[in-house]
C-alpha atoms as a PDB file:
ATOM      1  CA  UNK A   1     -37.973  29.320 -40.963  1.00  0.00           C
ATOM      2  CA  UNK A   2     -40.012  26.139 -40.507  1.00  0.00           C
ATOM      3  CA  UNK A   3     -36.683  24.292 -40.282  1.00  0.00           C
ATOM      4  CA  UNK A   4     -35.619  26.240 -37.184  1.00  0.00           C
ATOM      5  CA  UNK A   5     -36.570  26.308 -33.493  1.00  0.00           C
ATOM      6  CA  UNK A   6     -37.211  29.444 -31.490  1.00  0.00           C
ATOM      7  CA  UNK A   7     -35.292  29.812 -28.218  1.00  0.00           C
ATOM      8  CA  UNK A   8     -38.347  28.703 -26.288  1.00  0.00           C
ATOM      9  CA  UNK A   9     -38.925  25.664 -28.533  1.00  0.00           C
ATOM     10  CA  UNK A  10     -35.285  24.585 -28.382  1.00  0.00           C
ATOM     11  CA  UNK A  11     -35.253  24.955 -24.590  1.00  0.00           C
ATOM     12  CA  UNK A  12     -38.408  22.838 -24.271  1.00  0.00           C
ATOM     13  CA  UNK A  13     -36.840  20.206 -26.508  1.00  0.00           C
ATOM     14  CA  UNK A  14     -34.145  19.610 -23.851  1.00  0.00           C
ATOM     15  CA  UNK A  15     -36.216  20.528 -20.797  1.00  0.00           C
ATOM     16  CA  UNK A  16     -34.029  23.484 -19.857  1.00  0.00           C
ATOM     17  CA  UNK A  17     -34.670  27.152 -19.122  1.00  0.00           C
ATOM     18  CA  UNK A  18     -34.368  29.391 -22.180  1.00  0.00           C
ATOM     19  CA  UNK A  19     -32.182  31.723 -20.084  1.00  0.00           C
ATOM     20  CA  UNK A  20     -29.569  28.960 -20.199  1.00  0.00           C
ATOM     21  CA  UNK A  21     -29.451  29.224 -23.992  1.00  0.00           C
ATOM     22  CA  UNK A  22     -29.173  32.985 -23.794  1.00  0.00           C
ATOM     23  CA  UNK A  23     -26.314  32.664 -21.283  1.00  0.00           C
ATOM     24  CA  UNK A  24     -24.499  30.122 -23.486  1.00  0.00           C
ATOM     25  CA  UNK A  25     -24.796  32.581 -26.358  1.00  0.00           C
ATOM     26  CA  UNK A  26     -23.427  35.432 -24.242  1.00  0.00           C
ATOM     27  CA  UNK A  27     -20.316  33.480 -23.192  1.00  0.00           C
ATOM     28  CA  UNK A  28     -19.744  32.208 -26.716  1.00  0.00           C
ATOM     29  CA  UNK A  29     -20.317  28.568 -25.913  1.00  0.00           C
ATOM     30  CA  UNK A  30     -23.377  27.857 -28.056  1.00  0.00           C
ATOM     31  CA  UNK A  31     -24.778  30.438 -30.434  1.00  0.00           C
ATOM     32  CA  UNK A  32     -28.017  30.340 -32.415  1.00  0.00           C
ATOM     33  CA  UNK A  33     -27.852  29.495 -36.082  1.00  0.00           C
ATOM     34  CA  UNK A  34     -29.695  32.751 -36.878  1.00  0.00           C
ATOM     35  CA  UNK A  35     -30.180  36.012 -34.968  1.00  0.00           C
ATOM     36  CA  UNK A  36     -32.666  38.241 -36.779  1.00  0.00           C
ATOM     37  CA  UNK A  37     -32.647  42.032 -36.752  1.00  0.00           C
ATOM     38  CA  UNK A  38     -35.365  42.094 -34.098  1.00  0.00           C
ATOM     39  CA  UNK A  39     -33.077  40.042 -31.774  1.00  0.00           C
ATOM     40  CA  UNK A  40     -35.008  36.783 -32.096  1.00  0.00           C
ATOM     41  CA  UNK A  41     -32.789  33.704 -31.935  1.00  0.00           C
ATOM     42  CA  UNK A  42     -33.330  30.568 -33.994  1.00  0.00           C
ATOM     43  CA  UNK A  43     -31.636  27.178 -33.675  1.00  0.00           C
ATOM     44  CA  UNK A  44     -31.144  24.623 -36.441  1.00  0.00           C
ATOM     45  CA  UNK A  45     -31.958  20.934 -36.135  1.00  0.00           C
ATOM     46  CA  UNK A  46     -28.329  20.325 -37.110  1.00  0.00           C
ATOM     47  CA  UNK A  47     -27.199  21.966 -33.841  1.00  0.00           C
ATOM     48  CA  UNK A  48     -28.890  19.291 -31.718  1.00  0.00           C
ATOM     49  CA  UNK A  49     -25.937  16.895 -31.809  1.00  0.00           C
ATOM     50  CA  UNK A  50     -23.547  19.642 -30.681  1.00  0.00           C
ATOM     51  CA  UNK A  51     -25.848  20.769 -27.893  1.00  0.00           C
ATOM     52  CA  UNK A  52     -26.319  17.202 -26.657  1.00  0.00           C
ATOM     53  CA  UNK A  53     -22.532  16.863 -26.306  1.00  0.00           C
ATOM     54  CA  UNK A  54     -22.522  20.062 -24.210  1.00  0.00           C
ATOM     55  CA  UNK A  55     -25.256  18.643 -21.961  1.00  0.00           C
ATOM     56  CA  UNK A  56     -23.405  15.335 -21.534  1.00  0.00           C
ATOM     57  CA  UNK A  57     -20.085  17.008 -20.684  1.00  0.00           C
ATOM     58  CA  UNK A  58     -21.828  19.381 -18.280  1.00  0.00           C
ATOM     59  CA  UNK A  59     -23.612  16.465 -16.572  1.00  0.00           C
ATOM     60  CA  UNK A  60     -20.245  14.782 -16.148  1.00  0.00           C
ATOM     61  CA  UNK A  61     -19.026  17.814 -14.211  1.00  0.00           C
ATOM     62  CA  UNK A  62     -16.864  19.391 -16.932  1.00  0.00           C
ATOM     63  CA  UNK A  63     -16.670  23.211 -16.414  1.00  0.00           C
ATOM     64  CA  UNK A  64     -18.273  25.385 -19.086  1.00  0.00           C
ATOM     65  CA  UNK A  65     -14.929  27.064 -19.773  1.00  0.00           C
ATOM     66  CA  UNK A  66     -13.318  23.679 -20.523  1.00  0.00           C
ATOM     67  CA  UNK A  67     -16.246  22.751 -22.780  1.00  0.00           C
ATOM     68  CA  UNK A  68     -15.877  26.056 -24.609  1.00  0.00           C
ATOM     69  CA  UNK A  69     -12.118  25.543 -24.999  1.00  0.00           C
ATOM     70  CA  UNK A  70     -12.758  22.130 -26.484  1.00  0.00           C
ATOM     71  CA  UNK A  71     -15.344  23.381 -28.983  1.00  0.00           C
ATOM     72  CA  UNK A  72     -13.041  26.158 -30.151  1.00  0.00           C
ATOM     73  CA  UNK A  73     -10.415  23.550 -31.099  1.00  0.00           C
ATOM     74  CA  UNK A  74     -12.497  20.435 -31.456  1.00  0.00           C
ATOM     75  CA  UNK A  75     -11.423  17.382 -33.380  1.00  0.00           C
ATOM     76  CA  UNK A  76     -12.282  13.705 -33.511  1.00  0.00           C
ATOM     77  CA  UNK A  77      -9.124  12.845 -31.546  1.00  0.00           C
ATOM     78  CA  UNK A  78      -9.843  15.396 -28.824  1.00  0.00           C
ATOM     79  CA  UNK A  79     -13.469  14.264 -28.504  1.00  0.00           C
ATOM     80  CA  UNK A  80     -12.321  10.666 -28.203  1.00  0.00           C
ATOM     81  CA  UNK A  81      -9.836  11.611 -25.450  1.00  0.00           C
ATOM     82  CA  UNK A  82     -12.483  13.518 -23.513  1.00  0.00           C
ATOM     83  CA  UNK A  83     -15.057  10.743 -23.803  1.00  0.00           C
ATOM     84  CA  UNK A  84     -12.546   8.077 -22.722  1.00  0.00           C
ATOM     85  CA  UNK A  85     -11.580  10.179 -19.697  1.00  0.00           C
ATOM     86  CA  UNK A  86     -15.196  10.809 -18.769  1.00  0.00           C
ATOM     87  CA  UNK A  87     -16.044   7.131 -19.276  1.00  0.00           C
ATOM     88  CA  UNK A  88     -13.393   6.217 -16.681  1.00  0.00           C
ATOM     89  CA  UNK A  89     -14.818   8.838 -14.322  1.00  0.00           C
ATOM     90  CA  UNK A  90     -18.300   7.357 -14.713  1.00  0.00           C
ATOM     91  CA  UNK A  91     -17.036   3.829 -14.096  1.00  0.00           C
ATOM     92  CA  UNK A  92     -15.328   4.995 -10.881  1.00  0.00           C
ATOM     93  CA  UNK A  93     -18.508   6.755  -9.785  1.00  0.00           C
ATOM     94  CA  UNK A  94     -20.561   3.628 -10.475  1.00  0.00           C
ATOM     95  CA  UNK A  95     -18.051   1.566  -8.486  1.00  0.00           C
ATOM     96  CA  UNK A  96     -18.291   3.964  -5.541  1.00  0.00           C
ATOM     97  CA  UNK A  97     -22.080   4.125  -5.744  1.00  0.00           C
ATOM     98  CA  UNK A  98     -22.305   0.321  -5.808  1.00  0.00           C
ATOM     99  CA  UNK A  99     -20.101   0.227  -2.711  1.00  0.00           C
ATOM    100  CA  UNK A 100     -22.290   2.808  -0.957  1.00  0.00           C
ATOM    101  CA  UNK A 101     -25.406   0.882  -1.983  1.00  0.00           C
ATOM    102  CA  UNK A 102     -23.872  -2.267  -0.530  1.00  0.00           C
ATOM    103  CA  UNK A 103     -23.197  -0.464   2.745  1.00  0.00           C
ATOM    104  CA  UNK A 104     -26.762   0.830   2.892  1.00  0.00           C
ATOM    105  CA  UNK A 105     -28.185  -2.649   2.257  1.00  0.00           C
ATOM    106  CA  UNK A 106     -25.939  -4.089   4.964  1.00  0.00           C
ATOM    107  CA  UNK A 107     -27.003  -1.447   7.487  1.00  0.00           C
ATOM    108  CA  UNK A 108     -30.680  -1.942   6.632  1.00  0.00           C
ATOM    109  CA  UNK A 109     -30.300  -5.694   7.138  1.00  0.00           C
ATOM    110  CA  UNK A 110     -28.665  -5.053  10.507  1.00  0.00           C
ATOM    111  CA  UNK A 111     -31.449  -2.684  11.574  1.00  0.00           C
ATOM    112  CA  UNK A 112     -34.050  -5.248  10.543  1.00  0.00           C
ATOM    113  CA  UNK A 113     -32.185  -7.948  12.464  1.00  0.00           C
ATOM    114  CA  UNK A 114     -32.047  -5.782  15.590  1.00  0.00           C
ATOM    115  CA  UNK A 115     -35.846  -5.608  15.663  1.00  0.00           C
ATOM    116  CA  UNK A 116     -36.066  -9.382  16.146  1.00  0.00           C
ATOM    117  CA  UNK A 117     -33.179 -10.048  18.535  1.00  0.00           C
ATOM    118  CA  UNK A 118     -33.567 -11.645  21.950  1.00  0.00           C
ATOM    119  CA  UNK A 119     -30.863 -10.131  24.103  1.00  0.00           C
ATOM    120  CA  UNK A 120     -28.673 -12.017  26.574  1.00  0.00           C
ATOM    121  CA  UNK A 121     -30.070 -15.333  25.364  1.00  0.00           C
ATOM    122  CA  UNK A 122     -27.429 -17.998  24.767  1.00  0.00           C
ATOM    123  CA  UNK A 123     -27.815 -20.059  21.617  1.00  0.00           C
ATOM    124  CA  UNK A 124     -25.621 -22.651  19.904  1.00  0.00           C
ATOM    125  CA  UNK A 125     -25.296 -22.149  16.150  1.00  0.00           C
ATOM    126  CA  UNK A 126     -23.441 -23.798  13.292  1.00  0.00           C
ATOM    127  CA  UNK A 127     -21.450 -21.023  11.626  1.00  0.00           C
ATOM    128  CA  UNK A 128     -19.638 -20.949   8.304  1.00  0.00           C
ATOM    129  CA  UNK A 129     -16.103 -19.620   8.001  1.00  0.00           C
ATOM    130  CA  UNK A 130     -15.728 -15.859   7.720  1.00  0.00           C
ATOM    131  CA  UNK A 131     -12.914 -13.627   6.483  1.00  0.00           C
ATOM    132  CA  UNK A 132     -11.296 -10.952   8.625  1.00  0.00           C
ATOM    133  CA  UNK A 133      -8.570  -8.418   8.013  1.00  0.00           C
ATOM    134  CA  UNK A 134      -6.738  -8.078  11.321  1.00  0.00           C
ATOM    135  CA  UNK A 135      -4.943  -5.220  13.001  1.00  0.00           C
ATOM    136  CA  UNK A 136      -1.486  -5.629  14.455  1.00  0.00           C
ATOM    137  CA  UNK A 137      -1.455  -7.705  17.644  1.00  0.00           C
ATOM    138  CA  UNK A 138      -2.676  -5.769  20.685  1.00  0.00           C
ATOM    139  CA  UNK A 139      -2.616  -8.468  23.370  1.00  0.00           C
ATOM    140  CA  UNK A 140      -0.857  -7.324  26.567  1.00  0.00           C
ATOM    141  CA  UNK A 141      -0.188  -3.877  25.057  1.00  0.00           C
ATOM    142  CA  UNK A 142      -0.670  -0.575  26.880  1.00  0.00           C
ATOM    143  CA  UNK A 143      -3.751   1.541  26.182  1.00  0.00           C
ATOM    144  CA  UNK A 144      -1.920   4.163  24.093  1.00  0.00           C
ATOM    145  CA  UNK A 145      -0.416   1.491  21.816  1.00  0.00           C
ATOM    146  CA  UNK A 146      -3.822  -0.167  21.409  1.00  0.00           C
ATOM    147  CA  UNK A 147      -5.463   3.118  20.412  1.00  0.00           C
ATOM    148  CA  UNK A 148      -2.679   3.858  17.934  1.00  0.00           C
ATOM    149  CA  UNK A 149      -2.961   0.360  16.442  1.00  0.00           C
ATOM    150  CA  UNK A 150      -6.730   0.671  16.149  1.00  0.00           C
ATOM    151  CA  UNK A 151      -6.407   4.043  14.400  1.00  0.00           C
ATOM    152  CA  UNK A 152      -3.778   2.771  11.958  1.00  0.00           C
ATOM    153  CA  UNK A 153      -5.808  -0.341  11.160  1.00  0.00           C
ATOM    154  CA  UNK A 154      -9.033   1.579  10.541  1.00  0.00           C
ATOM    155  CA  UNK A 155      -7.246   4.198   8.454  1.00  0.00           C
ATOM    156  CA  UNK A 156      -5.465   1.613   6.307  1.00  0.00           C
ATOM    157  CA  UNK A 157      -8.604  -0.419   5.669  1.00  0.00           C
ATOM    158  CA  UNK A 158     -10.710   2.673   4.959  1.00  0.00           C
ATOM    159  CA  UNK A 159      -8.318   3.751   2.203  1.00  0.00           C
ATOM    160  CA  UNK A 160      -8.223   0.319   0.572  1.00  0.00           C
ATOM    161  CA  UNK A 161     -10.510  -1.079  -2.115  1.00  0.00           C
ATOM    162  CA  UNK A 162     -11.566  -4.005   0.078  1.00  0.00           C
ATOM    163  CA  UNK A 163     -13.370  -1.875   2.631  1.00  0.00           C
ATOM    164  CA  UNK A 164     -17.154  -2.203   2.328  1.00  0.00           C
ATOM    165  CA  UNK A 165     -17.861  -0.893   5.828  1.00  0.00           C
ATOM    166  CA  UNK A 166     -18.885  -4.341   6.934  1.00  0.00           C
ATOM    167  CA  UNK A 167     -18.898  -5.221  10.598  1.00  0.00           C
ATOM    168  CA  UNK A 168     -16.079  -4.231  12.864  1.00  0.00           C
ATOM    169  CA  UNK A 169     -15.063  -6.300  15.871  1.00  0.00           C
ATOM    170  CA  UNK A 170     -12.402  -7.578  18.240  1.00  0.00           C
ATOM    171  CA  UNK A 171     -10.888 -10.935  19.185  1.00  0.00           C
ATOM    172  CA  UNK A 172      -9.888 -12.166  22.638  1.00  0.00           C
ATOM    173  CA  UNK A 173      -7.841 -15.277  23.316  1.00  0.00           C
ATOM    174  CA  UNK A 174      -9.815 -18.073  24.988  1.00  0.00           C
ATOM    175  CA  UNK A 175      -7.365 -18.289  27.906  1.00  0.00           C
ATOM    176  CA  UNK A 176      -7.878 -14.589  28.667  1.00  0.00           C
ATOM    177  CA  UNK A 177     -11.617 -15.166  28.917  1.00  0.00           C
ATOM    178  CA  UNK A 178     -11.037 -18.146  31.207  1.00  0.00           C
ATOM    179  CA  UNK A 179      -8.762 -15.975  33.366  1.00  0.00           C
ATOM    180  CA  UNK A 180     -11.361 -13.162  33.417  1.00  0.00           C
ATOM    181  CA  UNK A 181      -9.074 -10.792  31.488  1.00  0.00           C
ATOM    182  CA  UNK A 182     -11.984  -9.587  29.399  1.00  0.00           C
ATOM    183  CA  UNK A 183     -10.456  -6.388  28.000  1.00  0.00           C
ATOM    184  CA  UNK A 184      -7.185  -7.932  26.831  1.00  0.00           C
ATOM    185  CA  UNK A 185      -7.983  -7.825  23.123  1.00  0.00           C
ATOM    186  CA  UNK A 186      -5.638  -9.752  20.831  1.00  0.00           C
ATOM    187  CA  UNK A 187      -6.722  -8.138  17.551  1.00  0.00           C
ATOM    188  CA  UNK A 188      -9.288  -5.825  16.029  1.00  0.00           C
ATOM    189  CA  UNK A 189     -10.835  -6.870  12.749  1.00  0.00           C
ATOM    190  CA  UNK A 190     -12.927  -5.825   9.784  1.00  0.00           C
ATOM    191  CA  UNK A 191     -15.212  -8.578   8.473  1.00  0.00           C
ATOM    192  CA  UNK A 192     -15.470  -8.953   4.708  1.00  0.00           C
ATOM    193  CA  UNK A 193     -18.250 -10.570   2.719  1.00  0.00           C
ATOM    194  CA  UNK A 194     -15.867 -12.654   0.608  1.00  0.00           C
ATOM    195  CA  UNK A 195     -12.300 -13.941   0.573  1.00  0.00           C
ATOM    196  CA  UNK A 196      -9.972 -11.023  -0.253  1.00  0.00           C
ATOM    197  CA  UNK A 197      -7.228 -11.127  -2.869  1.00  0.00           C
ATOM    198  CA  UNK A 198      -3.655  -9.852  -2.573  1.00  0.00           C
ATOM    199  CA  UNK A 199      -3.935  -9.140   1.144  1.00  0.00           C
ATOM    200  CA  UNK A 200      -3.302 -11.100   4.336  1.00  0.00           C
ATOM    201  CA  UNK A 201      -6.449 -12.261   6.049  1.00  0.00           C
ATOM    202  CA  UNK A 202      -7.643 -14.411   8.939  1.00  0.00           C
ATOM    203  CA  UNK A 203     -10.279 -17.128   8.672  1.00  0.00           C
ATOM    204  CA  UNK A 204     -12.753 -17.425  11.502  1.00  0.00           C
ATOM    205  CA  UNK A 205     -13.215 -21.216  11.534  1.00  0.00           C
ATOM    206  CA  UNK A 206     -16.355 -23.034  10.572  1.00  0.00           C
ATOM    207  CA  UNK A 207     -17.967 -24.862  13.496  1.00  0.00           C
ATOM    208  CA  UNK A 208     -20.305 -24.709  16.468  1.00  0.00           C
ATOM    209  CA  UNK A 209     -20.457 -21.406  18.342  1.00  0.00           C
ATOM    210  CA  UNK A 210     -22.158 -20.033  21.384  1.00  0.00           C
ATOM    211  CA  UNK A 211     -23.899 -16.881  20.131  1.00  0.00           C
ATOM    212  CA  UNK A 212     -25.289 -14.136  22.322  1.00  0.00           C
ATOM    213  CA  UNK A 213     -26.545 -10.640  21.509  1.00  0.00           C
ATOM    214  CA  UNK A 214     -26.166  -8.015  24.202  1.00  0.00           C
ATOM    215  CA  UNK A 215     -27.576  -4.514  24.427  1.00  0.00           C
ATOM    216  CA  UNK A 216     -25.591  -2.247  26.696  1.00  0.00           C
ATOM    217  CA  UNK A 217     -22.317  -0.452  27.361  1.00  0.00           C
ATOM    218  CA  UNK A 218     -19.047  -2.312  26.671  1.00  0.00           C
ATOM    219  CA  UNK A 219     -17.908  -1.555  30.225  1.00  0.00           C
ATOM    220  CA  UNK A 220     -20.449  -4.137  31.372  1.00  0.00           C
ATOM    221  CA  UNK A 221     -19.193  -6.935  29.130  1.00  0.00           C
ATOM    222  CA  UNK A 222     -17.719  -8.660  32.193  1.00  0.00           C
ATOM    223  CA  UNK A 223     -21.258  -9.610  33.251  1.00  0.00           C
ATOM    224  CA  UNK A 224     -21.902 -11.093  29.825  1.00  0.00           C
ATOM    225  CA  UNK A 225     -18.758 -13.195  30.011  1.00  0.00           C
ATOM    226  CA  UNK A 226     -19.540 -14.343  33.526  1.00  0.00           C
ATOM    227  CA  UNK A 227     -22.941 -15.516  32.315  1.00  0.00           C
ATOM    228  CA  UNK A 228     -21.384 -17.357  29.374  1.00  0.00           C
ATOM    229  CA  UNK A 229     -18.754 -18.994  31.593  1.00  0.00           C
ATOM    230  CA  UNK A 230     -21.439 -20.162  34.024  1.00  0.00           C
ATOM    231  CA  UNK A 231     -23.341 -21.682  31.092  1.00  0.00           C
ATOM    232  CA  UNK A 232     -20.205 -23.415  29.782  1.00  0.00           C
ATOM    233  CA  UNK A 233     -19.442 -24.868  33.194  1.00  0.00           C
ATOM    234  CA  UNK A 234     -23.006 -26.069  33.756  1.00  0.00           C
ATOM    235  CA  UNK A 235     -23.026 -27.789  30.351  1.00  0.00           C
ATOM    236  CA  UNK A 236     -19.439 -29.067  30.662  1.00  0.00           C
ATOM    237  CA  UNK A 237     -18.495 -27.314  27.389  1.00  0.00           C
ATOM    238  CA  UNK A 238     -14.978 -26.181  26.487  1.00  0.00           C
ATOM    239  CA  UNK A 239     -14.110 -23.209  24.310  1.00  0.00           C
ATOM    240  CA  UNK A 240     -11.380 -23.137  21.679  1.00  0.00           C
ATOM    241  CA  UNK A 241      -9.505 -20.496  19.719  1.00  0.00           C
ATOM    242  CA  UNK A 242     -10.652 -16.893  19.993  1.00  0.00           C
ATOM    243  CA  UNK A 243     -13.742 -15.202  21.314  1.00  0.00           C
ATOM    244  CA  UNK A 244     -15.265 -12.710  18.858  1.00  0.00           C
ATOM    245  CA  UNK A 245     -17.041  -9.490  19.760  1.00  0.00           C
ATOM    246  CA  UNK A 246     -18.827  -7.957  16.769  1.00  0.00           C
ATOM    247  CA  UNK A 247     -20.100  -4.419  17.144  1.00  0.00           C
ATOM    248  CA  UNK A 248     -23.500  -4.565  15.458  1.00  0.00           C
ATOM    249  CA  UNK A 249     -25.018  -1.186  16.309  1.00  0.00           C
ATOM    250  CA  UNK A 250     -23.151   1.660  17.961  1.00  0.00           C
ATOM    251  CA  UNK A 251     -22.765   5.402  17.603  1.00  0.00           C
ATOM    252  CA  UNK A 252     -24.098   5.502  14.043  1.00  0.00           C
ATOM    253  CA  UNK A 253     -27.576   4.663  15.390  1.00  0.00           C
ATOM    254  CA  UNK A 254     -27.717   5.994  18.950  1.00  0.00           C
ATOM    255  CA  UNK A 255     -25.939   8.357  21.319  1.00  0.00           C
ATOM    256  CA  UNK A 256     -26.993   6.285  24.320  1.00  0.00           C
ATOM    257  CA  UNK A 257     -24.314   3.686  25.201  1.00  0.00           C
ATOM    258  CA  UNK A 258     -26.885   1.501  26.954  1.00  0.00           C
ATOM    259  CA  UNK A 259     -28.513   0.935  23.540  1.00  0.00           C
ATOM    260  CA  UNK A 260     -25.343  -0.339  21.831  1.00  0.00           C
ATOM    261  CA  UNK A 261     -25.703  -3.860  20.423  1.00  0.00           C
ATOM    262  CA  UNK A 262     -22.849  -6.372  20.398  1.00  0.00           C
ATOM    263  CA  UNK A 263     -22.737  -9.934  19.110  1.00  0.00           C
ATOM    264  CA  UNK A 264     -20.617 -12.442  21.039  1.00  0.00           C
ATOM    265  CA  UNK A 265     -19.400 -15.590  19.257  1.00  0.00           C
ATOM    266  CA  UNK A 266     -17.423 -18.294  21.055  1.00  0.00           C
ATOM    267  CA  UNK A 267     -16.357 -21.484  19.306  1.00  0.00           C
ATOM    268  CA  UNK A 268     -16.891 -24.622  21.333  1.00  0.00           C
ATOM    269  CA  UNK A 269     -15.308 -28.052  21.057  1.00  0.00           C
END
């Protein structure tokens, strides 16, 4: 009997409750090597490999009934098939967890950035090119069409592999800003951290940009644009291409619209 473990010893070996072993015995999944007349159960060292497979399959989310079915008809081929299937499941989980981790890091970086921002201060920055996936064109469309386009764009991107929940924003044609048509958005976009493959994308050009962070409700963006236009006129600066509104911090962080944070980027010639 020195070659065998009691139920309590075997349970401690795998850091589980001994009631688990008793339950596995009752359902016929994993029985002791010996059950003595007094009811005491004993497990052999040779059963460890089998029990470790049960633990692995259970950790991978395989139901006990499926594990039992496998063990009743187990073979090398069937074990290989199960392990290959579970390996693919793990790889998909790792991929999803890495994506979630990337999102968390991005959000933490944004929150850290927001602590240091000076709002409504105009700066000129040299910016590198960035990659956007655009919605269908929304310029001069009615409100219902714009909402439908925005929904379709968000839904399509969310379901794709390229979506890392990076910043969301909108683009307005420079002439619409000049003509004070501040809500006439041309496109909505999702910003990616690298150039995508096998999908159409837009490149926000490298160059000099006026950059301004604003905290407040989007309904008051007209005041922001008026301030920017006054600055441009006073400095005799022209704008080119599109104006970019990037929604840095919104409903995910606050339910007070006056605390929303938006980044404005306007390329200048």
